[in-house]
C-alpha atoms as a PDB file:
ATOM      1  CA  MET A   1     -32.257  79.202  28.983  1.00  0.00           C
ATOM      2  CA  LEU A   2     -32.598  76.649  26.185  1.00  0.00           C
ATOM      3  CA  VAL A   3     -28.980  75.566  26.674  1.00  0.00           C
ATOM      4  CA  ILE A   4     -29.524  75.177  30.425  1.00  0.00           C
ATOM      5  CA  GLY A   5     -32.732  73.205  29.909  1.00  0.00           C
ATOM      6  CA  SER A   6     -31.158  70.965  27.276  1.00  0.00           C
ATOM      7  CA  SER A   7     -28.099  70.304  29.457  1.00  0.00           C
ATOM      8  CA  LEU A   8     -30.291  69.419  32.437  1.00  0.00           C
ATOM      9  CA  ALA A   9     -32.396  67.134  30.200  1.00  0.00           C
ATOM     10  CA  VAL A  10     -29.282  65.224  29.171  1.00  0.00           C
ATOM     11  CA  ALA A  11     -28.152  65.049  32.806  1.00  0.00           C
ATOM     12  CA  ALA A  12     -31.578  63.758  33.844  1.00  0.00           C
ATOM     13  CA  GLY A  13     -31.517  61.136  31.105  1.00  0.00           C
ATOM     14  CA  LEU A  14     -28.078  59.909  32.166  1.00  0.00           C
ATOM     15  CA  GLY A  15     -29.213  59.851  35.786  1.00  0.00           C
ATOM     16  CA  TYR A  16     -32.267  57.771  34.933  1.00  0.00           C
ATOM     17  CA  THR A  17     -30.060  55.470  32.845  1.00  0.00           C
ATOM     18  CA  ALA A  18     -27.606  54.910  35.707  1.00  0.00           C
ATOM     19  CA  ALA A  19     -30.499  54.249  38.082  1.00  0.00           C
ATOM     20  CA  ALA A  20     -32.070  51.814  35.619  1.00  0.00           C
ATOM     21  CA  ALA A  21     -28.852  49.798  35.390  1.00  0.00           C
ATOM     22  CA  LEU A  22     -28.695  49.479  39.175  1.00  0.00           C
ATOM     23  CA  GLU A  23     -32.397  48.676  39.459  1.00  0.00           C
ATOM     24  CA  LYS A  24     -32.109  46.020  36.757  1.00  0.00           C
ATOM     25  CA  ARG A  25     -29.195  44.371  38.572  1.00  0.00           C
ATOM     26  CA  GLU A  26     -31.286  44.130  41.742  1.00  0.00           C
ATOM     27  CA  ALA A  27     -34.625  43.246  40.119  1.00  0.00           C
ATOM     28  CA  VAL A  28     -33.362  40.074  38.443  1.00  0.00           C
ATOM     29  CA  LEU A  29     -32.273  38.769  41.847  1.00  0.00           C
ATOM     30  CA  VAL A  30     -35.920  38.713  42.971  1.00  0.00           C
ATOM     31  CA  SER A  31     -38.025  35.671  42.150  1.00  0.00           C
ATOM     32  CA  LEU A  32     -40.581  35.964  39.350  1.00  0.00           C
ATOM     33  CA  ASP A  33     -43.040  34.364  41.773  1.00  0.00           C
ATOM     34  CA  VAL A  34     -43.258  37.669  43.667  1.00  0.00           C
ATOM     35  CA  PRO A  35     -46.444  39.491  42.504  1.00  0.00           C
ATOM     36  CA  VAL A  36     -45.957  42.871  40.847  1.00  0.00           C
ATOM     37  CA  ALA A  37     -47.997  44.476  43.645  1.00  0.00           C
ATOM     38  CA  ARG A  38     -45.425  43.294  46.235  1.00  0.00           C
ATOM     39  CA  LEU A  39     -42.293  43.778  44.144  1.00  0.00           C
ATOM     40  CA  LEU A  40     -41.412  47.256  45.406  1.00  0.00           C
ATOM     41  CA  ALA A  41     -41.752  46.182  49.040  1.00  0.00           C
ATOM     42  CA  VAL A  42     -39.262  43.366  48.422  1.00  0.00           C
ATOM     43  CA  LEU A  43     -36.811  45.571  46.525  1.00  0.00           C
ATOM     44  CA  ALA A  44     -37.011  48.283  49.208  1.00  0.00           C
ATOM     45  CA  ARG A  45     -35.047  45.942  51.498  1.00  0.00           C
ATOM     46  CA  ARG A  46     -32.046  46.083  49.144  1.00  0.00           C
ATOM     47  CA  ARG A  47     -29.623  48.979  49.738  1.00  0.00           C
ATOM     48  CA  VAL A  48     -28.341  49.173  46.164  1.00  0.00           C
ATOM     49  CA  TRP A  49     -31.899  49.468  44.854  1.00  0.00           C
ATOM     50  CA  LEU A  50     -32.626  52.261  47.346  1.00  0.00           C
ATOM     51  CA  ALA A  51     -29.466  54.039  46.164  1.00  0.00           C
ATOM     52  CA  ALA A  52     -30.780  53.771  42.601  1.00  0.00           C
ATOM     53  CA  ILE A  53     -34.063  55.383  43.677  1.00  0.00           C
ATOM     54  CA  PHE A  54     -32.084  58.251  45.224  1.00  0.00           C
ATOM     55  CA  VAL A  55     -30.279  58.757  41.897  1.00  0.00           C
ATOM     56  CA  SER A  56     -33.675  58.764  40.157  1.00  0.00           C
ATOM     57  CA  LEU A  57     -34.899  61.488  42.530  1.00  0.00           C
ATOM     58  CA  LEU A  58     -31.894  63.651  41.655  1.00  0.00           C
ATOM     59  CA  ALA A  59     -32.595  63.029  37.964  1.00  0.00           C
ATOM     60  CA  TRP A  60     -36.220  64.055  38.521  1.00  0.00           C
ATOM     61  CA  VAL A  61     -35.136  67.401  39.989  1.00  0.00           C
ATOM     62  CA  ALA A  62     -33.044  68.008  36.855  1.00  0.00           C
ATOM     63  CA  GLU A  63     -36.044  67.004  34.713  1.00  0.00           C
ATOM     64  CA  ALA A  64     -38.427  69.391  36.494  1.00  0.00           C
ATOM     65  CA  VAL A  65     -36.025  72.328  36.121  1.00  0.00           C
ATOM     66  CA  ALA A  66     -35.373  71.424  32.473  1.00  0.00           C
ATOM     67  CA  LEU A  67     -39.107  71.389  31.715  1.00  0.00           C
ATOM     68  CA  ALA A  68     -39.428  74.849  33.259  1.00  0.00           C
ATOM     69  CA  THR A  69     -36.601  76.294  31.130  1.00  0.00           C
ATOM     70  CA  ALA A  70     -36.912  74.521  27.746  1.00  0.00           C
ATOM     71  CA  PRO A  71     -39.756  73.321  25.495  1.00  0.00           C
ATOM     72  CA  ILE A  72     -41.224  69.892  26.220  1.00  0.00           C
ATOM     73  CA  ALA A  73     -40.411  68.776  22.664  1.00  0.00           C
ATOM     74  CA  THR A  74     -36.732  69.380  23.415  1.00  0.00           C
ATOM     75  CA  VAL A  75     -36.459  68.062  26.972  1.00  0.00           C
ATOM     76  CA  ILE A  76     -38.317  64.750  26.742  1.00  0.00           C
ATOM     77  CA  PRO A  77     -36.544  63.297  23.663  1.00  0.00           C
ATOM     78  CA  LEU A  78     -33.114  64.252  25.022  1.00  0.00           C
ATOM     79  CA  MET A  79     -33.904  62.377  28.220  1.00  0.00           C
ATOM     80  CA  SER A  80     -35.168  59.339  26.306  1.00  0.00           C
ATOM     81  CA  ALA A  81     -32.048  58.933  24.199  1.00  0.00           C
ATOM     82  CA  GLY A  82     -30.210  57.398  27.174  1.00  0.00           C
ATOM     83  CA  SER A  83     -31.443  53.920  26.222  1.00  0.00           C
ATOM     84  CA  ALA A  84     -28.531  53.644  23.777  1.00  0.00           C
ATOM     85  CA  VAL A  85     -26.120  54.057  26.688  1.00  0.00           C
ATOM     86  CA  LEU A  86     -27.979  51.317  28.527  1.00  0.00           C
ATOM     87  CA  VAL A  87     -27.279  48.860  25.678  1.00  0.00           C
ATOM     88  CA  ALA A  88     -23.538  49.240  26.286  1.00  0.00           C
ATOM     89  CA  VAL A  89     -24.036  49.024  30.046  1.00  0.00           C
ATOM     90  CA  GLY A  90     -26.236  45.956  29.609  1.00  0.00           C
ATOM     91  CA  ILE A  91     -23.630  44.146  27.525  1.00  0.00           C
ATOM     92  CA  ARG A  92     -20.590  45.141  29.591  1.00  0.00           C
ATOM     93  CA  TRP A  93     -21.997  44.970  33.127  1.00  0.00           C
ATOM     94  CA  LEU A  94     -25.292  43.095  33.167  1.00  0.00           C
ATOM     95  CA  GLY A  95     -24.220  40.248  30.878  1.00  0.00           C
ATOM     96  CA  GLU A  96     -27.122  40.786  28.482  1.00  0.00           C
ATOM     97  CA  ARG A  97     -27.252  39.702  24.850  1.00  0.00           C
ATOM     98  CA  PHE A  98     -29.114  41.502  22.109  1.00  0.00           C
ATOM     99  CA  GLU A  99     -30.489  40.321  18.790  1.00  0.00           C
ATOM    100  CA  GLY A 100     -29.872  42.431  15.703  1.00  0.00           C
ATOM    101  CA  ARG A 101     -33.504  43.524  15.584  1.00  0.00           C
ATOM    102  CA  GLU A 102     -33.325  44.773  19.173  1.00  0.00           C
ATOM    103  CA  LEU A 103     -30.231  46.875  18.414  1.00  0.00           C
ATOM    104  CA  VAL A 104     -31.933  48.319  15.325  1.00  0.00           C
ATOM    105  CA  ALA A 105     -35.016  49.142  17.418  1.00  0.00           C
ATOM    106  CA  VAL A 106     -32.941  50.925  20.077  1.00  0.00           C
ATOM    107  CA  ALA A 107     -31.112  52.875  17.349  1.00  0.00           C
ATOM    108  CA  MET A 108     -34.442  53.937  15.784  1.00  0.00           C
ATOM    109  CA  VAL A 109     -35.734  55.207  19.119  1.00  0.00           C
ATOM    110  CA  THR A 110     -32.483  57.021  19.913  1.00  0.00           C
ATOM    111  CA  ILE A 111     -32.185  58.718  16.509  1.00  0.00           C
ATOM    112  CA  GLY A 112     -35.876  59.586  16.492  1.00  0.00           C
ATOM    113  CA  ALA A 113     -35.656  61.078  19.978  1.00  0.00           C
ATOM    114  CA  ALA A 114     -32.619  63.189  19.043  1.00  0.00           C
ATOM    115  CA  ALA A 115     -34.312  64.453  15.871  1.00  0.00           C
ATOM    116  CA  ALA A 116     -37.466  65.324  17.818  1.00  0.00           C
ATOM    117  CA  ALA A 117     -35.390  67.283  20.314  1.00  0.00           C
ATOM    118  CA  VAL A 118     -33.700  69.326  17.572  1.00  0.00           C
ATOM    119  CA  THR A 119     -36.902  70.116  15.676  1.00  0.00           C
ATOM    120  CA  GLY A 120     -38.959  70.751  18.814  1.00  0.00           C
ATOM    121  CA  GLY A 121     -36.465  73.292  20.141  1.00  0.00           C
ATOM    122  CA  GLN A 122     -37.963  76.011  17.948  1.00  0.00           C
ATOM    123  CA  SER A 123     -40.877  76.375  20.377  1.00  0.00           C
ATOM    124  CA  GLU A 124     -41.161  78.936  23.177  1.00  0.00           C
ATOM    125  CA  VAL A 125     -41.418  77.740  26.786  1.00  0.00           C
ATOM    126  CA  SER A 126     -44.964  77.936  28.152  1.00  0.00           C
ATOM    127  CA  ARG A 127     -45.654  78.149  31.888  1.00  0.00           C
ATOM    128  CA  THR A 128     -49.436  78.227  31.700  1.00  0.00           C
ATOM    129  CA  ALA A 129     -50.907  76.277  34.616  1.00  0.00           C
ATOM    130  CA  LEU A 130     -53.270  73.442  33.689  1.00  0.00           C
ATOM    131  CA  ALA A 131     -56.683  73.389  35.363  1.00  0.00           C
ATOM    132  CA  PRO A 132     -57.003  70.801  38.174  1.00  0.00           C
ATOM    133  CA  LEU A 133     -59.639  68.832  36.253  1.00  0.00           C
ATOM    134  CA  VAL A 134     -57.331  68.654  33.227  1.00  0.00           C
ATOM    135  CA  GLN A 135     -54.506  67.389  35.428  1.00  0.00           C
ATOM    136  CA  LEU A 136     -56.746  64.693  36.914  1.00  0.00           C
ATOM    137  CA  GLY A 137     -57.951  63.752  33.437  1.00  0.00           C
ATOM    138  CA  VAL A 138     -54.363  63.294  32.245  1.00  0.00           C
ATOM    139  CA  GLY A 139     -53.613  61.019  35.201  1.00  0.00           C
ATOM    140  CA  GLY A 140     -56.811  59.007  34.839  1.00  0.00           C
ATOM    141  CA  LEU A 141     -56.232  58.387  31.135  1.00  0.00           C
ATOM    142  CA  ALA A 142     -52.605  57.402  31.731  1.00  0.00           C
ATOM    143  CA  LEU A 143     -53.573  54.986  34.505  1.00  0.00           C
ATOM    144  CA  PHE A 144     -56.235  53.327  32.340  1.00  0.00           C
ATOM    145  CA  LEU A 145     -53.899  52.954  29.338  1.00  0.00           C
ATOM    146  CA  GLY A 146     -51.036  51.762  31.546  1.00  0.00           C
ATOM    147  CA  LEU A 147     -53.131  48.975  33.054  1.00  0.00           C
ATOM    148  CA  VAL A 148     -54.314  47.905  29.593  1.00  0.00           C
ATOM    149  CA  VAL A 149     -50.792  47.814  28.158  1.00  0.00           C
ATOM    150  CA  GLY A 150     -49.370  46.153  31.281  1.00  0.00           C
ATOM    151  CA  ALA A 151     -51.870  43.315  30.930  1.00  0.00           C
ATOM    152  CA  ARG A 152     -49.524  41.907  28.274  1.00  0.00           C
ATOM    153  CA  ARG A 153     -47.276  40.781  31.190  1.00  0.00           C
ATOM    154  CA  SER A 154     -44.062  40.757  29.135  1.00  0.00           C
ATOM    155  CA  GLY A 155     -40.896  42.696  29.861  1.00  0.00           C
ATOM    156  CA  VAL A 156     -41.435  45.183  27.047  1.00  0.00           C
ATOM    157  CA  GLY A 157     -45.161  45.327  27.848  1.00  0.00           C
ATOM    158  CA  TYR A 158     -44.443  46.358  31.422  1.00  0.00           C
ATOM    159  CA  GLY A 159     -41.899  48.891  30.121  1.00  0.00           C
ATOM    160  CA  ALA A 160     -44.442  50.434  27.748  1.00  0.00           C
ATOM    161  CA  ALA A 161     -47.030  50.552  30.552  1.00  0.00           C
ATOM    162  CA  ALA A 162     -44.543  52.365  32.795  1.00  0.00           C
ATOM    163  CA  GLY A 163     -43.823  54.763  29.936  1.00  0.00           C
ATOM    164  CA  VAL A 164     -47.497  55.683  29.651  1.00  0.00           C
ATOM    165  CA  LEU A 165     -47.531  56.580  33.342  1.00  0.00           C
ATOM    166  CA  TYR A 166     -44.237  58.439  33.079  1.00  0.00           C
ATOM    167  CA  ALA A 167     -45.724  60.518  30.253  1.00  0.00           C
ATOM    168  CA  ALA A 168     -48.261  61.793  32.784  1.00  0.00           C
ATOM    169  CA  THR A 169     -45.645  62.298  35.509  1.00  0.00           C
ATOM    170  CA  ALA A 170     -43.596  64.381  33.044  1.00  0.00           C
ATOM    171  CA  ILE A 171     -46.560  66.728  32.709  1.00  0.00           C
ATOM    172  CA  TYR A 172     -46.906  66.876  36.494  1.00  0.00           C
ATOM    173  CA  SER A 173     -43.151  67.513  36.769  1.00  0.00           C
ATOM    174  CA  LYS A 174     -43.538  70.459  34.401  1.00  0.00           C
ATOM    175  CA  GLU A 175     -46.421  71.787  36.494  1.00  0.00           C
ATOM    176  CA  ILE A 176     -44.235  71.641  39.611  1.00  0.00           C
ATOM    177  CA  GLY A 177     -41.172  73.136  37.898  1.00  0.00           C
ATOM    178  CA  ASP A 178     -43.248  75.919  36.331  1.00  0.00           C
ATOM    179  CA  ARG A 179     -44.834  76.880  39.649  1.00  0.00           C
ATOM    180  CA  PHE A 180     -41.399  77.256  41.284  1.00  0.00           C
ATOM    181  CA  ALA A 181     -40.182  79.240  38.259  1.00  0.00           C
ATOM    182  CA  VAL A 182     -43.155  81.608  38.546  1.00  0.00           C
ATOM    183  CA  HIS A 183     -43.757  81.812  42.319  1.00  0.00           C
ATOM    184  CA  GLY A 184     -40.389  80.902  43.855  1.00  0.00           C
ATOM    185  CA  LEU A 185     -40.648  79.279  47.283  1.00  0.00           C
ATOM    186  CA  SER A 186     -44.305  80.370  47.486  1.00  0.00           C
ATOM    187  CA  ALA A 187     -44.926  77.517  45.048  1.00  0.00           C
ATOM    188  CA  ILE A 188     -44.927  75.134  48.027  1.00  0.00           C
ATOM    189  CA  ARG A 189     -48.167  76.723  49.247  1.00  0.00           C
ATOM    190  CA  VAL A 190     -49.646  76.793  45.738  1.00  0.00           C
ATOM    191  CA  LEU A 191     -48.804  73.136  45.068  1.00  0.00           C
ATOM    192  CA  ALA A 192     -50.193  71.937  48.407  1.00  0.00           C
ATOM    193  CA  THR A 193     -53.722  72.256  47.017  1.00  0.00           C
ATOM    194  CA  ASN A 194     -52.773  71.250  43.464  1.00  0.00           C
ATOM    195  CA  PRO A 195     -53.303  67.682  42.138  1.00  0.00           C
ATOM    196  CA  ALA A 196     -49.896  67.609  40.402  1.00  0.00           C
ATOM    197  CA  PRO A 197     -47.541  66.540  43.253  1.00  0.00           C
ATOM    198  CA  TRP A 198     -49.949  63.993  44.710  1.00  0.00           C
ATOM    199  CA  ALA A 199     -50.860  62.443  41.353  1.00  0.00           C
ATOM    200  CA  LEU A 200     -47.168  62.374  40.415  1.00  0.00           C
ATOM    201  CA  VAL A 201     -46.271  60.325  43.500  1.00  0.00           C
ATOM    202  CA  ALA A 202     -49.144  57.875  43.003  1.00  0.00           C
ATOM    203  CA  LEU A 203     -48.434  57.241  39.310  1.00  0.00           C
ATOM    204  CA  ALA A 204     -44.664  57.122  39.857  1.00  0.00           C
ATOM    205  CA  VAL A 205     -45.041  54.313  42.418  1.00  0.00           C
ATOM    206  CA  ILE A 206     -47.160  52.240  40.021  1.00  0.00           C
ATOM    207  CA  ALA A 207     -44.760  52.981  37.158  1.00  0.00           C
ATOM    208  CA  GLN A 208     -41.836  51.838  39.303  1.00  0.00           C
ATOM    209  CA  ALA A 209     -43.552  48.512  39.969  1.00  0.00           C
ATOM    210  CA  PHE A 210     -44.119  48.032  36.229  1.00  0.00           C
ATOM    211  CA  THR A 211     -40.502  48.999  35.505  1.00  0.00           C
ATOM    212  CA  GLN A 212     -39.017  46.485  37.949  1.00  0.00           C
ATOM    213  CA  ALA A 213     -41.321  43.734  36.648  1.00  0.00           C
ATOM    214  CA  GLY A 214     -40.095  44.573  33.153  1.00  0.00           C
ATOM    215  CA  PHE A 215     -36.454  44.372  34.246  1.00  0.00           C
ATOM    216  CA  GLN A 216     -37.112  40.876  35.577  1.00  0.00           C
ATOM    217  CA  ARG A 217     -38.354  39.685  32.183  1.00  0.00           C
ATOM    218  CA  ALA A 218     -36.339  41.456  29.467  1.00  0.00           C
ATOM    219  CA  ASN A 219     -33.120  43.308  28.664  1.00  0.00           C
ATOM    220  CA  ALA A 220     -32.796  46.603  30.515  1.00  0.00           C
ATOM    221  CA  ALA A 221     -32.344  48.561  27.267  1.00  0.00           C
ATOM    222  CA  SER A 222     -35.419  46.936  25.706  1.00  0.00           C
ATOM    223  CA  VAL A 223     -37.560  47.835  28.722  1.00  0.00           C
ATOM    224  CA  THR A 224     -36.166  51.358  28.912  1.00  0.00           C
ATOM    225  CA  THR A 225     -36.612  51.921  25.176  1.00  0.00           C
ATOM    226  CA  ALA A 226     -40.247  50.814  25.429  1.00  0.00           C
ATOM    227  CA  MET A 227     -40.666  53.303  28.248  1.00  0.00           C
ATOM    228  CA  ALA A 228     -38.966  56.006  26.175  1.00  0.00           C
ATOM    229  CA  ALA A 229     -41.309  55.551  23.223  1.00  0.00           C
ATOM    230  CA  THR A 230     -44.531  55.872  25.197  1.00  0.00           C
ATOM    231  CA  SER A 231     -43.186  58.589  27.492  1.00  0.00           C
ATOM    232  CA  THR A 232     -41.819  60.677  24.603  1.00  0.00           C
ATOM    233  CA  ALA A 233     -44.789  61.142  22.302  1.00  0.00           C
ATOM    234  CA  GLY A 234     -47.342  61.898  25.058  1.00  0.00           C
ATOM    235  CA  PRO A 235     -45.647  64.942  26.628  1.00  0.00           C
ATOM    236  CA  ILE A 236     -44.714  66.353  23.203  1.00  0.00           C
ATOM    237  CA  VAL A 237     -48.359  66.222  22.106  1.00  0.00           C
ATOM    238  CA  ALA A 238     -49.360  67.729  25.460  1.00  0.00           C
ATOM    239  CA  GLY A 239     -46.911  70.568  24.888  1.00  0.00           C
ATOM    240  CA  PHE A 240     -48.709  71.536  21.705  1.00  0.00           C
ATOM    241  CA  ALA A 241     -52.280  70.711  22.780  1.00  0.00           C
ATOM    242  CA  LEU A 242     -52.317  71.717  26.459  1.00  0.00           C
ATOM    243  CA  TYR A 243     -49.541  74.295  26.786  1.00  0.00           C
ATOM    244  CA  GLN A 244     -49.905  75.898  23.326  1.00  0.00           C
ATOM    245  CA  GLU A 245     -46.200  75.545  22.578  1.00  0.00           C
ATOM    246  CA  SER A 246     -45.738  76.519  18.921  1.00  0.00           C
ATOM    247  CA  TYR A 247     -45.445  73.742  16.364  1.00  0.00           C
ATOM    248  CA  PRO A 248     -42.180  73.939  14.361  1.00  0.00           C
ATOM    249  CA  SER A 249     -42.278  75.520  10.932  1.00  0.00           C
ATOM    250  CA  GLY A 250     -40.498  74.736   7.686  1.00  0.00           C
ATOM    251  CA  ILE A 251     -38.594  71.470   7.505  1.00  0.00           C
ATOM    252  CA  GLY A 252     -39.099  70.987  11.252  1.00  0.00           C
ATOM    253  CA  ALA A 253     -42.829  70.600  10.661  1.00  0.00           C
ATOM    254  CA  VAL A 254     -42.061  67.516   8.567  1.00  0.00           C
ATOM    255  CA  LEU A 255     -39.170  66.134  10.608  1.00  0.00           C
ATOM    256  CA  LEU A 256     -40.949  66.165  13.975  1.00  0.00           C
ATOM    257  CA  PRO A 257     -43.734  63.680  13.075  1.00  0.00           C
ATOM    258  CA  LEU A 258     -41.159  61.534  11.243  1.00  0.00           C
ATOM    259  CA  ALA A 259     -38.966  61.521  14.354  1.00  0.00           C
ATOM    260  CA  ILE A 260     -41.874  60.501  16.572  1.00  0.00           C
ATOM    261  CA  ALA A 261     -42.830  57.832  14.023  1.00  0.00           C
ATOM    262  CA  ALA A 262     -39.288  56.424  14.243  1.00  0.00           C
ATOM    263  CA  VAL A 263     -39.645  56.193  18.014  1.00  0.00           C
ATOM    264  CA  VAL A 264     -42.988  54.387  17.736  1.00  0.00           C
ATOM    265  CA  ALA A 265     -41.716  52.049  14.989  1.00  0.00           C
ATOM    266  CA  GLY A 266     -38.654  51.165  17.047  1.00  0.00           C
ATOM    267  CA  THR A 267     -40.824  50.241  19.998  1.00  0.00           C
ATOM    268  CA  THR A 268     -43.097  48.144  17.800  1.00  0.00           C
ATOM    269  CA  LEU A 269     -40.032  46.230  16.619  1.00  0.00           C
ATOM    270  CA  LEU A 270     -39.051  45.683  20.252  1.00  0.00           C
ATOM    271  CA  PHE A 271     -42.466  44.205  20.998  1.00  0.00           C
ATOM    272  CA  VAL A 272     -41.947  41.738  18.147  1.00  0.00           C
ATOM    273  CA  SER A 273     -38.382  40.741  18.958  1.00  0.00           C
ATOM    274  CA  ALA A 274     -38.026  41.016  22.755  1.00  0.00           C
ATOM    275  CA  ARG A 275     -37.547  37.751  24.637  1.00  0.00           C
ATOM    276  CA  SER A 276     -39.861  36.828  27.471  1.00  0.00           C
ATOM    277  CA  SER A 277     -37.400  34.460  29.150  1.00  0.00           C
ATOM    278  CA  HIS A 278     -35.711  35.342  32.451  1.00  0.00           C
ATOM    279  CA  PRO A 279     -32.584  37.420  31.632  1.00  0.00           C
ATOM    280  CA  SER A 280     -29.130  36.394  32.754  1.00  0.00           C
ATOM    281  CA  LEU A 281     -26.951  38.537  34.976  1.00  0.00           C
ATOM    282  CA  ALA A 282     -23.186  38.451  35.039  1.00  0.00           C
ATOM    283  CA  VAL A 283     -21.827  38.921  38.541  1.00  0.00           C
END
């Protein structure tokens, strides 16, 4: 099951990466004068952007199944490592340029995410359902932190804000995937009265708005890496604190916090070096 979950995590990460490249290409064609609150409505009129959202939905299905079959500490970092692919896509297709510090930051996040996935894979998969109040608390905290971080109004700031919200949606995705793994199709009835699917949709919409605003203001890889950093650490901590997934032993106990630290440090470097000017797009 670990191999299946890991493979689906990689597939989900690549799917999100492909969608991000398409979304970035469309987002930079929208004026910066459009308020963030109206940005999704404007982008929804563009067929390529809608196709990218469809790809993201397919990636989400892979993510939910992966979270139900592999530990959180394995799935989330493997998904996040796709930002390195987006650097190549950004240079070759989107006409983006990167400073040395930005490339170093992306490398730190990618290596840290991969190391976290390897060390976190020692844990058993937990399918314990979170109490509704705990689920609402996770969403409320993520929304508050996302709005605070997004107040920076820079490309990387919006990316980090989206990542905070996506950390919560990852937990909701696990709740949904776990219920189907445990109850089969009866999970539809169980989830109808559960906060997880409804909170996931609400936070995902807000996160999408932040993501597109970030794409308008910074390199796609920089925005995605900022998202990866904030959306990686949160679910991993939740796996240990909320789902009682076992913390790695031996050398893994040392490597895991170092790997997460590399992810956080890489994002901090992105905050320092990311440009706030409108990015170019080669067409």
